[in-house]
Amino acid sequence: MSAQGSYSEMTNEELLRKYKETNDLSMKQELVMRYVYIVKSIALQMRDVYLSFAQVDDMVNDGVLAIMSALDKFDFEKNVKFETYVSKRIRGMIIDLARRQDWIPRSVRKSAKEIDNATMELYNELGRYPTAEETAEYLHVSVNKYHEALGKTNLFNVLSLDMVLEETMENKKSVQLPSNNQQEQPEAHLLEQELHGRLVEALHSLKENEQMVVSLYYVEELNMKEIAKVLEVSEPRISQIHANALRKMRLYLKEDLVG
């Protein structure tokens, strides 16, 4: 019986624990094959966000490397499921790749900045987030043109939100007391809790349909087409809601960071 055949009766967790004990290469290969579906799922899901994305096959190739690295670095003592751990790493890998490739056209960056400025000006004036009609009027464009521009800024908002979170973490970490012992430095855990709390607050600041789209996309991991079916609206409309929600969350967190 082949090594792979003998693994068929083992669960993923059992096989992973055995691999961590032995570092057996055949076990690692089997685990990669079992978990590669996560890469495909995330690559397909996140491709909906980007305007000009790499081929799914390219994502899978890089994702396999991410899985192999995650298998070696994963720690059962952290009390986190491997699927959750590796999913986060793969999402980070795709975002990093997007940054390196700089897929965002200059025109989209300019449009995103104009929308951000308009939103902040109107927010300060009205004391609330402006409607699409109000923002479109401020920008002297039709509502349809505004929604079209908003949809194109999805990638910009994803990357910008990611960078704001990183900046928040780095700024908070800079005031921590130095320590080589994680048990002696509870600041890291408190920081993570604080950031999670700010994300929850940012999410709650959104409209109900925006909260729903963000939840279905990031928690339930549905793609835009699937969310459109659930909410019974068009796929472009879901893309617009998603872009608007991310922009609001980014501005909410950035305002907190500056303050």
Protein backbone atom coordinates (compact mmCIF):
# COMPACT_ATOMS: atom_id res chain seq x y z
CA MET A 1 0.00 0.00 0.00
CA SER A 2 1.34 3.46 -0.92
CA ALA A 3 2.00 6.12 1.71
CA GLN A 4 -0.82 8.26 0.28
CA GLY A 5 -3.18 5.28 0.49
CA SER A 6 -2.37 4.74 4.17
CA TYR A 7 -3.27 8.38 4.90
CA SER A 8 -6.81 8.06 3.54
CA GLU A 9 -8.19 6.91 6.87
CA MET A 10 -6.65 9.87 8.73
CA THR A 11 -8.47 13.16 9.20
CA ASN A 12 -6.75 16.37 8.14
CA GLU A 13 -6.01 17.26 11.76
CA GLU A 14 -4.61 13.80 12.55
CA LEU A 15 -2.37 13.92 9.51
CA LEU A 16 -1.21 17.44 10.32
CA ARG A 17 -0.34 16.47 13.89
CA LYS A 18 1.58 13.46 12.59
CA TYR A 19 3.44 15.64 10.09
CA LYS A 20 4.40 18.12 12.84
CA GLU A 21 5.92 15.19 14.75
CA THR A 22 7.78 13.58 11.84
CA ASN A 23 8.30 16.23 9.11
CA ASP A 24 7.60 13.43 6.65
CA LEU A 25 7.66 14.84 3.08
CA SER A 26 4.97 12.48 1.78
CA MET A 27 2.63 13.67 4.53
CA LYS A 28 3.33 17.26 3.60
CA GLN A 29 2.49 16.54 -0.04
CA GLU A 30 -0.76 14.86 0.99
CA LEU A 31 -1.72 17.83 3.19
CA VAL A 32 -1.02 20.29 0.39
CA MET A 33 -3.33 18.32 -1.91
CA ARG A 34 -6.04 18.30 0.75
CA TYR A 35 -5.83 22.03 1.42
CA VAL A 36 -5.32 23.35 -2.11
CA TYR A 37 -9.09 23.81 -2.43
CA ILE A 38 -8.79 26.74 0.01
CA VAL A 39 -6.41 28.51 -2.37
CA LYS A 40 -8.76 28.02 -5.33
CA SER A 41 -11.76 29.22 -3.34
CA ILE A 42 -10.04 32.37 -2.06
CA ALA A 43 -8.41 33.15 -5.41
CA LEU A 44 -11.78 32.96 -7.18
CA GLN A 45 -13.49 34.98 -4.47
CA MET A 46 -10.91 37.76 -4.34
CA ARG A 47 -10.62 37.95 -8.11
CA ASP A 48 -14.10 39.49 -8.10
CA VAL A 49 -12.67 42.50 -6.29
CA TYR A 50 -9.82 43.25 -8.66
CA LEU A 51 -10.00 44.97 -12.00
CA SER A 52 -7.04 43.26 -13.68
CA PHE A 53 -6.16 40.13 -11.80
CA ALA A 54 -3.63 37.40 -12.45
CA GLN A 55 -4.90 34.01 -13.66
CA VAL A 56 -6.35 31.70 -11.01
CA ASP A 57 -3.65 29.15 -11.91
CA ASP A 58 -0.98 31.68 -10.93
CA MET A 59 -2.75 32.27 -7.64
CA VAL A 60 -2.91 28.53 -7.00
CA ASN A 61 0.82 28.13 -7.65
CA ASP A 62 1.68 30.87 -5.17
CA GLY A 63 -0.98 29.54 -2.81
CA VAL A 64 0.60 26.09 -2.75
CA LEU A 65 3.85 27.68 -1.58
CA ALA A 66 1.89 29.56 1.09
CA ILE A 67 0.32 26.29 2.28
CA MET A 68 3.72 24.59 2.48
CA SER A 69 5.10 27.45 4.54
CA ALA A 70 1.99 27.52 6.76
CA LEU A 71 2.27 23.78 7.46
CA ASP A 72 5.74 24.31 8.89
CA LYS A 73 4.88 27.44 10.88
CA PHE A 74 1.49 26.36 12.23
CA ASP A 75 1.30 25.92 16.00
CA PHE A 76 -1.51 23.86 17.56
CA GLU A 77 -0.85 25.63 20.87
CA LYS A 78 -2.35 28.82 19.40
CA ASN A 79 -5.75 27.09 19.50
CA VAL A 80 -6.63 28.18 15.95
CA LYS A 81 -7.85 25.89 13.17
CA PHE A 82 -5.34 25.39 10.39
CA GLU A 83 -7.98 26.28 7.80
CA THR A 84 -8.47 29.68 9.46
CA TYR A 85 -4.72 30.20 9.81
CA VAL A 86 -3.87 29.35 6.21
CA SER A 87 -6.84 31.28 4.78
CA LYS A 88 -5.56 34.47 6.42
CA ARG A 89 -2.06 33.87 5.05
CA ILE A 90 -3.37 33.24 1.52
CA ARG A 91 -5.48 36.40 1.56
CA GLY A 92 -2.42 38.33 2.70
CA MET A 93 -0.37 36.75 -0.07
CA ILE A 94 -2.86 37.84 -2.73
CA ILE A 95 -3.02 41.39 -1.36
CA ASP A 96 0.78 41.58 -1.26
CA LEU A 97 0.90 40.38 -4.86
CA ALA A 98 -1.60 43.05 -5.85
CA ARG A 99 0.59 45.68 -4.21
CA ARG A 100 3.74 44.46 -5.94
CA GLN A 101 2.10 44.30 -9.35
CA ASP A 102 0.52 47.74 -8.85
CA TRP A 103 -2.57 46.82 -10.85
CA ILE A 104 -4.41 50.03 -10.04
CA PRO A 105 -4.48 52.46 -12.97
CA ARG A 106 -3.62 56.10 -12.18
CA SER A 107 -7.09 57.17 -13.27
CA VAL A 108 -8.66 54.85 -10.67
CA ARG A 109 -6.39 56.20 -7.94
CA LYS A 110 -7.39 59.75 -8.93
CA SER A 111 -11.07 58.81 -8.94
CA ALA A 112 -10.80 57.12 -5.53
CA LYS A 113 -9.12 60.19 -4.05
CA GLU A 114 -11.81 62.48 -5.47
CA ILE A 115 -14.56 60.28 -4.03
CA ASP A 116 -12.79 60.19 -0.65
CA ASN A 117 -12.41 63.97 -0.56
CA ALA A 118 -16.04 64.49 -1.56
CA THR A 119 -17.22 62.03 1.08
CA MET A 120 -15.20 63.69 3.85
CA GLU A 121 -16.28 67.22 2.84
CA LEU A 122 -19.94 66.21 2.80
CA TYR A 123 -19.57 64.19 6.01
CA ASN A 124 -18.16 67.22 7.82
CA GLU A 125 -20.92 69.40 6.37
CA LEU A 126 -23.86 67.04 6.94
CA GLY A 127 -22.69 65.19 10.05
CA ARG A 128 -23.38 61.84 8.37
CA TYR A 129 -22.22 59.82 5.41
CA PRO A 130 -23.62 61.36 2.20
CA THR A 131 -25.94 59.46 -0.11
CA ALA A 132 -24.85 58.42 -3.59
CA GLU A 133 -26.99 61.20 -5.06
CA GLU A 134 -25.37 63.83 -2.82
CA THR A 135 -21.85 62.66 -3.62
CA ALA A 136 -22.57 62.49 -7.35
CA GLU A 137 -23.96 66.03 -7.27
CA TYR A 138 -20.89 67.25 -5.38
CA LEU A 139 -18.65 65.68 -8.03
CA HIS A 140 -20.82 67.08 -10.86
CA VAL A 141 -21.45 63.64 -12.38
CA SER A 142 -24.53 61.51 -12.86
CA VAL A 143 -25.43 58.89 -10.26
CA ASN A 144 -24.70 56.17 -12.82
CA LYS A 145 -21.23 57.61 -13.49
CA TYR A 146 -20.60 57.80 -9.74
CA HIS A 147 -21.57 54.15 -9.23
CA GLU A 148 -19.39 53.13 -12.16
CA ALA A 149 -16.41 55.00 -10.69
CA LEU A 150 -17.12 53.57 -7.25
CA GLY A 151 -17.10 50.00 -8.57
CA LYS A 152 -13.71 50.55 -10.18
CA THR A 153 -12.17 51.61 -6.86
CA ASN A 154 -12.74 48.22 -5.19
CA LEU A 155 -9.10 47.13 -5.34
CA PHE A 156 -7.90 50.55 -4.15
CA ASN A 157 -10.20 50.34 -1.14
CA VAL A 158 -9.18 46.78 -0.28
CA LEU A 159 -5.47 47.63 -0.35
CA SER A 160 -5.96 50.97 1.39
CA LEU A 161 -8.02 49.40 4.18
CA ASP A 162 -5.33 46.76 4.57
CA MET A 163 -2.61 49.43 4.79
CA VAL A 164 -4.59 51.50 7.32
CA LEU A 165 -4.91 48.41 9.53
CA GLU A 166 -1.17 47.78 9.25
CA GLU A 167 -0.41 51.41 10.06
CA THR A 168 -2.72 51.26 13.09
CA MET A 169 -0.98 48.13 14.34
CA GLU A 170 2.51 49.59 13.82
CA ASN A 171 1.65 52.86 15.56
CA LYS A 172 0.20 51.02 18.54
CA LYS A 173 3.12 48.58 18.71
CA SER A 174 5.61 51.44 18.87
CA VAL A 175 4.43 52.36 22.37
CA GLN A 176 4.67 48.84 23.79
CA LEU A 177 7.28 47.96 26.38
CA PRO A 178 10.06 45.83 24.89
CA SER A 179 10.01 42.19 25.92
CA ASN A 180 11.17 38.94 24.39
CA ASN A 181 8.60 36.96 26.35
CA GLN A 182 5.09 36.97 24.92
CA GLN A 183 3.71 35.92 28.33
CA GLU A 184 5.19 39.09 29.82
CA GLN A 185 3.80 41.32 27.10
CA PRO A 186 -0.01 41.33 27.16
CA GLU A 187 0.00 44.52 25.05
CA ALA A 188 0.03 42.50 21.82
CA HIS A 189 -3.13 40.63 22.83
CA LEU A 190 -4.83 43.82 24.02
CA LEU A 191 -3.86 45.55 20.78
CA GLU A 192 -5.44 42.79 18.72
CA GLN A 193 -8.61 43.04 20.81
CA GLU A 194 -8.66 46.82 20.41
CA LEU A 195 -8.25 46.61 16.65
CA HIS A 196 -10.98 43.99 16.45
CA GLY A 197 -13.23 46.29 18.43
CA ARG A 198 -12.54 49.19 16.07
CA LEU A 199 -13.33 46.98 13.08
CA VAL A 200 -16.65 45.98 14.67
CA GLU A 201 -17.45 49.66 15.30
CA ALA A 202 -16.55 50.50 11.70
CA LEU A 203 -18.77 47.69 10.48
CA HIS A 204 -21.68 48.86 12.63
CA SER A 205 -21.34 52.35 11.19
CA LEU A 206 -22.39 50.97 7.80
CA LYS A 207 -25.89 50.73 6.39
CA GLU A 208 -27.70 47.42 6.80
CA ASN A 209 -27.17 46.31 3.18
CA GLU A 210 -23.47 47.26 3.38
CA GLN A 211 -23.06 45.24 6.57
CA MET A 212 -24.75 42.31 4.88
CA VAL A 213 -22.47 42.41 1.84
CA VAL A 214 -19.31 42.70 3.97
CA SER A 215 -20.47 39.82 6.18
CA LEU A 216 -21.37 37.56 3.26
CA TYR A 217 -18.10 38.33 1.48
CA TYR A 218 -15.59 38.17 4.33
CA VAL A 219 -17.30 35.86 6.83
CA GLU A 220 -19.37 33.53 4.67
CA GLU A 221 -16.78 33.88 1.85
CA LEU A 222 -19.35 34.16 -0.93
CA ASN A 223 -18.30 35.78 -4.19
CA MET A 224 -20.08 38.77 -5.77
CA LYS A 225 -22.26 36.61 -8.01
CA GLU A 226 -23.43 34.48 -5.07
CA ILE A 227 -24.14 37.54 -2.92
CA ALA A 228 -26.14 39.06 -5.77
CA LYS A 229 -28.36 35.95 -5.81
CA VAL A 230 -28.82 36.04 -2.03
CA LEU A 231 -29.81 39.71 -1.99
CA GLU A 232 -31.66 39.51 -5.33
CA VAL A 233 -29.88 42.45 -6.93
CA SER A 234 -27.44 42.74 -9.83
CA GLU A 235 -23.78 41.77 -9.49
CA PRO A 236 -22.59 45.31 -10.41
CA ARG A 237 -24.81 46.66 -7.64
CA ILE A 238 -23.15 44.33 -5.11
CA SER A 239 -19.76 45.52 -6.31
CA GLN A 240 -20.85 49.13 -5.73
CA ILE A 241 -22.15 48.39 -2.23
CA HIS A 242 -18.95 46.53 -1.40
CA ALA A 243 -16.74 49.39 -2.61
CA ASN A 244 -18.77 51.94 -0.67
CA ALA A 245 -18.64 49.85 2.51
CA LEU A 246 -14.87 49.40 2.32
CA ARG A 247 -14.34 53.10 1.70
CA LYS A 248 -16.47 54.02 4.71
CA MET A 249 -14.64 51.53 6.94
CA ARG A 250 -11.26 52.80 5.75
CA LEU A 251 -12.20 56.43 6.40
CA TYR A 252 -13.64 55.49 9.80
CA LEU A 253 -10.43 53.74 10.84
CA LYS A 254 -8.20 56.39 9.32
CA GLU A 255 -10.04 59.11 11.20
CA ASP A 256 -9.44 57.16 14.42
CA LEU A 257 -5.77 56.73 13.52
CA VAL A 258 -5.26 60.44 12.92
CA GLY A 259 -7.19 61.34 16.04
